[in-house]
Amino acid sequence: MQSAFLNLKETNGAQNPDGTTESAESLSIWQSLKGAASNKPWLLLACSFILLQTFWMLRGNSAIFFIKYVYGRPELAPIFLGIGFVSVIGNLSVPFLSQRFKNRNVLQFSLVLGVIGQLLLPIAEKMRSVSLLIAGSVIFLIAMGITFTIVFAMLSDTVDYSTKVLGLNETGFLSAVPMIGAKLGMGIGGFLAGQFLAWGQFNAKAAVQSGRTITFINLAFIWMPIILLAAMIFMMQFYRLDEKELQANKADAAAKVEPKEDVEYDANN
């Protein structure tokens, strides 16, 4: 294991369509920042990572309070919190969706679907409908399965855009920074979950919470996630990267490279 790392060498360069390797100079942090700032699709996606993780953590940390104090059926908590596995359906659907539609459109579709699932939850609470509660949660979770999968494919697209269009080889930087943003969003979401309970004057000893507390739990679990999802939908209107066109241009460039003619060796000469 140690020898594998000792003998590992980094090749800093991009491979051309003809198979040759083109060396590239390492970019400084400042150059990487300037390059990233000129990559508008990447900027939009990096901000989306923050919003995505913020509402996900906020909603997740508020779920038990919603089912116990707002819906008033704490015995449903294991089912309500345990159906997260259905998001796999969304994960598995992404390859089929991305083949037929642009990645941006797939993301927007999943975000709209997530909003629809969220809106069903307060309706289920008013109607006291368990089936509608579960249906809304399933729709939301499938939508999030699509969302969390497609954003990583889109991140790869922005890296290709930087390399092929902007001429900047900063794959590591562009891939790492959104992950930092995601961690930031997780921290913000966790903080807000506690703050909403504090603002609502939540009393852990009370079996029945005040109207103010119920309002803030609803804000944390239902309405703030919807607002953040809507913000992402709006932001994606400005995401102009067409990954299919980018791949087509890449394929055209590869096709233009003529293969070298094989020279036959004549033993008589």
Protein backbone atom coordinates (compact mmCIF):
# COMPACT_ATOMS: atom_id res chain seq x y z
CA MET A 1 0.00 0.00 0.00
CA GLN A 2 2.77 2.43 0.92
CA SER A 3 4.72 1.71 -2.26
CA ALA A 4 1.61 2.44 -4.32
CA PHE A 5 1.46 5.96 -2.91
CA LEU A 6 5.21 6.49 -3.14
CA ASN A 7 5.20 5.59 -6.83
CA LEU A 8 2.09 7.60 -7.64
CA LYS A 9 2.73 10.56 -9.96
CA GLU A 10 0.25 13.23 -10.98
CA THR A 11 -0.12 14.07 -14.65
CA ASN A 12 -1.27 17.65 -14.92
CA GLY A 13 -2.79 17.86 -18.36
CA ALA A 14 -5.80 17.16 -20.53
CA GLN A 15 -6.05 14.39 -23.08
CA ASN A 16 -6.65 15.46 -26.65
CA PRO A 17 -9.05 13.59 -28.97
CA ASP A 18 -6.07 11.97 -30.74
CA GLY A 19 -4.89 10.43 -27.50
CA THR A 20 -1.99 12.77 -26.84
CA THR A 21 -1.66 14.57 -23.55
CA GLU A 22 -1.54 18.33 -23.43
CA SER A 23 0.31 19.68 -20.42
CA ALA A 24 -1.23 22.53 -18.46
CA GLU A 25 0.16 24.84 -15.85
CA SER A 26 -1.18 24.59 -12.33
CA LEU A 27 -3.49 27.44 -11.44
CA SER A 28 -3.04 29.47 -8.30
CA ILE A 29 -5.92 29.91 -5.86
CA TRP A 30 -6.50 33.43 -7.17
CA GLN A 31 -6.54 32.20 -10.79
CA SER A 32 -8.94 29.42 -9.84
CA LEU A 33 -11.24 31.92 -8.14
CA LYS A 34 -11.18 34.21 -11.18
CA GLY A 35 -11.89 31.27 -13.46
CA ALA A 36 -14.74 30.04 -11.28
CA ALA A 37 -16.24 33.55 -11.18
CA SER A 38 -16.43 33.52 -14.98
CA ASN A 39 -18.17 30.14 -14.97
CA LYS A 40 -21.79 31.24 -14.51
CA PRO A 41 -23.33 27.74 -14.61
CA TRP A 42 -20.94 26.66 -11.87
CA LEU A 43 -21.76 29.70 -9.72
CA LEU A 44 -25.47 28.99 -9.97
CA LEU A 45 -24.95 25.35 -9.12
CA ALA A 46 -22.66 26.15 -6.17
CA CYS A 47 -25.36 28.43 -4.71
CA SER A 48 -27.94 25.71 -5.33
CA PHE A 49 -25.87 23.26 -3.28
CA ILE A 50 -26.09 25.62 -0.30
CA LEU A 51 -29.86 26.09 -0.64
CA LEU A 52 -30.41 22.38 -1.21
CA GLN A 53 -28.59 21.27 1.93
CA THR A 54 -30.07 24.12 3.97
CA PHE A 55 -33.67 23.15 3.35
CA TRP A 56 -32.88 19.43 3.57
CA MET A 57 -31.38 19.74 7.04
CA LEU A 58 -34.06 22.21 8.16
CA ARG A 59 -36.84 19.90 7.02
CA GLY A 60 -35.21 16.75 8.36
CA ASN A 61 -34.61 18.20 11.82
CA SER A 62 -38.18 19.53 11.99
CA ALA A 63 -39.94 16.37 10.79
CA ILE A 64 -40.43 14.73 14.18
CA PHE A 65 -41.88 17.94 15.62
CA PHE A 66 -44.33 18.21 12.73
CA ILE A 67 -45.62 14.66 13.05
CA LYS A 68 -45.86 14.83 16.84
CA TYR A 69 -47.18 18.31 17.55
CA VAL A 70 -48.74 19.53 14.30
CA TYR A 71 -50.19 16.35 12.86
CA GLY A 72 -50.69 14.96 16.36
CA ARG A 73 -49.87 11.32 15.56
CA PRO A 74 -46.47 10.53 17.13
CA GLU A 75 -47.07 6.80 16.58
CA LEU A 76 -46.71 7.45 12.84
CA ALA A 77 -43.18 8.77 13.27
CA PRO A 78 -41.41 5.45 12.45
CA ILE A 79 -43.33 5.16 9.17
CA PHE A 80 -43.10 8.85 8.33
CA LEU A 81 -39.36 8.96 8.96
CA GLY A 82 -38.64 5.48 7.65
CA ILE A 83 -39.93 5.80 4.09
CA GLY A 84 -36.81 7.62 2.97
CA PHE A 85 -35.77 4.55 0.98
CA VAL A 86 -38.26 5.49 -1.76
CA SER A 87 -35.82 8.21 -2.85
CA VAL A 88 -33.91 5.38 -4.57
CA ILE A 89 -36.65 5.42 -7.20
CA GLY A 90 -35.66 8.97 -8.01
CA ASN A 91 -31.96 8.05 -8.05
CA LEU A 92 -32.55 5.23 -10.54
CA SER A 93 -34.73 7.35 -12.83
CA VAL A 94 -32.04 9.96 -13.50
CA PRO A 95 -30.17 8.07 -16.29
CA PHE A 96 -33.43 7.67 -18.22
CA LEU A 97 -34.51 11.28 -17.68
CA SER A 98 -31.12 12.79 -18.53
CA GLN A 99 -31.02 10.87 -21.81
CA ARG A 100 -34.27 12.48 -22.93
CA PHE A 101 -34.09 15.94 -21.38
CA LYS A 102 -31.51 18.55 -20.50
CA ASN A 103 -30.11 18.17 -17.01
CA ARG A 104 -31.37 21.62 -16.06
CA ASN A 105 -34.90 20.66 -17.06
CA VAL A 106 -34.65 17.43 -15.08
CA LEU A 107 -33.56 19.40 -12.01
CA GLN A 108 -36.36 21.92 -12.38
CA PHE A 109 -38.89 19.13 -12.81
CA SER A 110 -37.69 17.44 -9.63
CA LEU A 111 -37.84 20.71 -7.69
CA VAL A 112 -41.40 21.41 -8.85
CA LEU A 113 -42.34 17.84 -7.95
CA GLY A 114 -40.81 18.39 -4.51
CA VAL A 115 -42.93 21.52 -4.01
CA ILE A 116 -46.06 19.56 -4.96
CA GLY A 117 -45.21 16.86 -2.42
CA GLN A 118 -44.63 19.48 0.27
CA LEU A 119 -47.94 21.21 -0.44
CA LEU A 120 -49.82 17.97 0.06
CA LEU A 121 -48.63 17.76 3.70
CA PRO A 122 -50.58 20.71 5.16
CA ILE A 123 -53.62 19.52 3.20
CA ALA A 124 -53.20 16.07 4.74
CA GLU A 125 -52.94 17.66 8.19
CA LYS A 126 -56.19 19.61 7.68
CA MET A 127 -58.02 16.54 6.32
CA ARG A 128 -56.45 14.22 8.93
CA SER A 129 -55.56 11.90 6.04
CA VAL A 130 -52.73 9.47 6.70
CA SER A 131 -52.74 8.23 3.10
CA LEU A 132 -52.33 11.77 1.76
CA LEU A 133 -49.58 12.43 4.30
CA ILE A 134 -47.65 9.38 3.12
CA ALA A 135 -48.36 10.17 -0.55
CA GLY A 136 -47.02 13.70 -0.18
CA SER A 137 -43.90 12.42 1.56
CA VAL A 138 -43.29 9.76 -1.09
CA ILE A 139 -43.63 12.28 -3.91
CA PHE A 140 -41.26 14.65 -2.14
CA LEU A 141 -38.67 11.96 -1.43
CA ILE A 142 -38.69 10.62 -5.00
CA ALA A 143 -38.24 14.18 -6.23
CA MET A 144 -35.29 14.67 -3.90
CA GLY A 145 -33.76 11.42 -5.10
CA ILE A 146 -33.74 12.92 -8.59
CA THR A 147 -32.46 16.27 -7.32
CA PHE A 148 -29.53 14.99 -5.29
CA THR A 149 -28.42 12.77 -8.19
CA ILE A 150 -28.75 15.20 -11.09
CA VAL A 151 -26.90 18.05 -9.36
CA PHE A 152 -23.72 15.96 -9.31
CA ALA A 153 -24.08 15.23 -13.02
CA MET A 154 -24.54 18.96 -13.59
CA LEU A 155 -21.44 19.69 -11.54
CA SER A 156 -19.47 17.50 -13.93
CA ASP A 157 -20.99 19.45 -16.83
CA THR A 158 -19.73 22.74 -15.40
CA VAL A 159 -16.24 21.27 -15.11
CA ASP A 160 -16.36 20.22 -18.78
CA TYR A 161 -17.60 23.71 -19.64
CA SER A 162 -14.63 25.25 -17.85
CA THR A 163 -12.18 22.99 -19.68
CA LYS A 164 -13.66 23.00 -23.18
CA VAL A 165 -15.17 26.50 -23.40
CA LEU A 166 -13.26 28.67 -20.94
CA GLY A 167 -9.96 26.82 -21.44
CA LEU A 168 -9.34 26.46 -17.70
CA ASN A 169 -8.21 23.20 -16.17
CA GLU A 170 -9.43 23.53 -12.58
CA THR A 171 -11.31 20.29 -12.09
CA GLY A 172 -10.33 19.81 -8.45
CA PHE A 173 -11.26 23.34 -7.41
CA LEU A 174 -14.63 23.34 -9.18
CA SER A 175 -15.51 19.94 -7.75
CA ALA A 176 -14.48 20.72 -4.18
CA VAL A 177 -15.96 24.16 -3.57
CA PRO A 178 -19.65 23.15 -4.01
CA MET A 179 -19.07 20.38 -1.47
CA ILE A 180 -17.88 23.04 0.97
CA GLY A 181 -21.05 24.95 0.15
CA ALA A 182 -23.09 21.84 0.86
CA LYS A 183 -21.45 21.53 4.28
CA LEU A 184 -22.20 25.20 4.87
CA GLY A 185 -25.84 24.60 3.95
CA MET A 186 -26.02 21.67 6.36
CA GLY A 187 -24.74 23.90 9.15
CA ILE A 188 -27.17 26.69 8.30
CA GLY A 189 -30.09 24.26 8.08
CA GLY A 190 -29.28 22.66 11.43
CA PHE A 191 -28.93 26.08 13.04
CA LEU A 192 -32.22 27.33 11.60
CA ALA A 193 -34.08 24.23 12.79
CA GLY A 194 -33.14 25.06 16.37
CA GLN A 195 -33.81 28.76 15.86
CA PHE A 196 -37.32 28.19 14.54
CA LEU A 197 -38.14 26.21 17.68
CA ALA A 198 -36.67 28.99 19.82
CA TRP A 199 -38.55 31.70 17.93
CA GLY A 200 -41.73 29.66 18.33
CA GLN A 201 -41.10 29.36 22.11
CA PHE A 202 -41.14 25.57 21.98
CA ASN A 203 -41.65 23.93 25.36
CA ALA A 204 -40.30 20.38 25.47
CA LYS A 205 -42.28 19.64 28.65
CA ALA A 206 -45.62 20.59 27.14
CA ALA A 207 -47.72 17.84 25.62
CA VAL A 208 -49.63 20.42 23.58
CA GLN A 209 -47.75 23.32 22.03
CA SER A 210 -48.99 26.88 21.61
CA GLY A 211 -50.32 28.25 18.34
CA ARG A 212 -47.11 30.25 17.93
CA THR A 213 -45.00 27.10 18.25
CA ILE A 214 -47.18 25.22 15.74
CA THR A 215 -46.80 28.10 13.29
CA PHE A 216 -43.01 28.06 13.51
CA ILE A 217 -42.85 24.27 13.19
CA ASN A 218 -44.92 24.56 10.02
CA LEU A 219 -42.60 27.28 8.78
CA ALA A 220 -39.54 25.11 9.39
CA PHE A 221 -40.94 21.88 7.98
CA ILE A 222 -43.30 23.01 5.21
CA TRP A 223 -42.94 26.59 4.09
CA MET A 224 -39.24 27.41 4.34
CA PRO A 225 -38.32 24.31 2.29
CA ILE A 226 -40.89 25.37 -0.32
CA ILE A 227 -39.42 28.90 -0.42
CA LEU A 228 -35.89 27.54 -0.87
CA LEU A 229 -37.04 25.08 -3.54
CA ALA A 230 -38.74 27.96 -5.37
CA ALA A 231 -35.52 29.97 -5.14
CA MET A 232 -33.62 27.11 -6.78
CA ILE A 233 -36.24 26.85 -9.54
CA PHE A 234 -35.84 30.57 -10.21
CA MET A 235 -32.04 30.37 -10.21
CA MET A 236 -32.07 27.54 -12.73
CA GLN A 237 -33.81 29.84 -15.22
CA PHE A 238 -30.42 31.50 -15.66
CA TYR A 239 -28.52 28.21 -16.06
CA ARG A 240 -27.79 28.14 -19.81
CA LEU A 241 -25.37 25.25 -20.04
CA ASP A 242 -26.52 22.63 -22.55
CA GLU A 243 -24.53 19.51 -21.77
CA LYS A 244 -25.80 17.72 -24.88
CA GLU A 245 -24.47 20.50 -27.11
CA LEU A 246 -21.21 20.47 -25.18
CA GLN A 247 -20.81 16.73 -25.71
CA ALA A 248 -21.73 17.07 -29.38
CA ASN A 249 -19.02 19.71 -29.88
CA LYS A 250 -16.56 17.44 -28.10
CA ALA A 251 -17.51 14.55 -30.39
CA ASP A 252 -17.17 16.76 -33.49
CA ALA A 253 -13.70 17.83 -32.38
CA ALA A 254 -12.71 14.20 -31.94
CA ALA A 255 -14.09 13.28 -35.37
CA LYS A 256 -12.05 15.99 -37.07
CA VAL A 257 -8.82 14.41 -35.87
CA GLU A 258 -7.62 12.29 -38.76
CA PRO A 259 -6.06 8.97 -37.79
CA LYS A 260 -2.44 8.53 -38.70
CA GLU A 261 -1.85 6.39 -41.77
CA ASP A 262 -0.11 3.12 -41.14
CA VAL A 263 3.17 2.83 -43.02
CA GLU A 264 3.90 -0.63 -44.27
CA TYR A 265 7.46 -1.87 -43.96
CA ASP A 266 8.91 -3.16 -47.20
CA ALA A 267 11.52 -5.81 -46.45
CA ASN A 268 13.03 -5.41 -49.95
CA ASN A 269 13.95 -1.72 -49.35
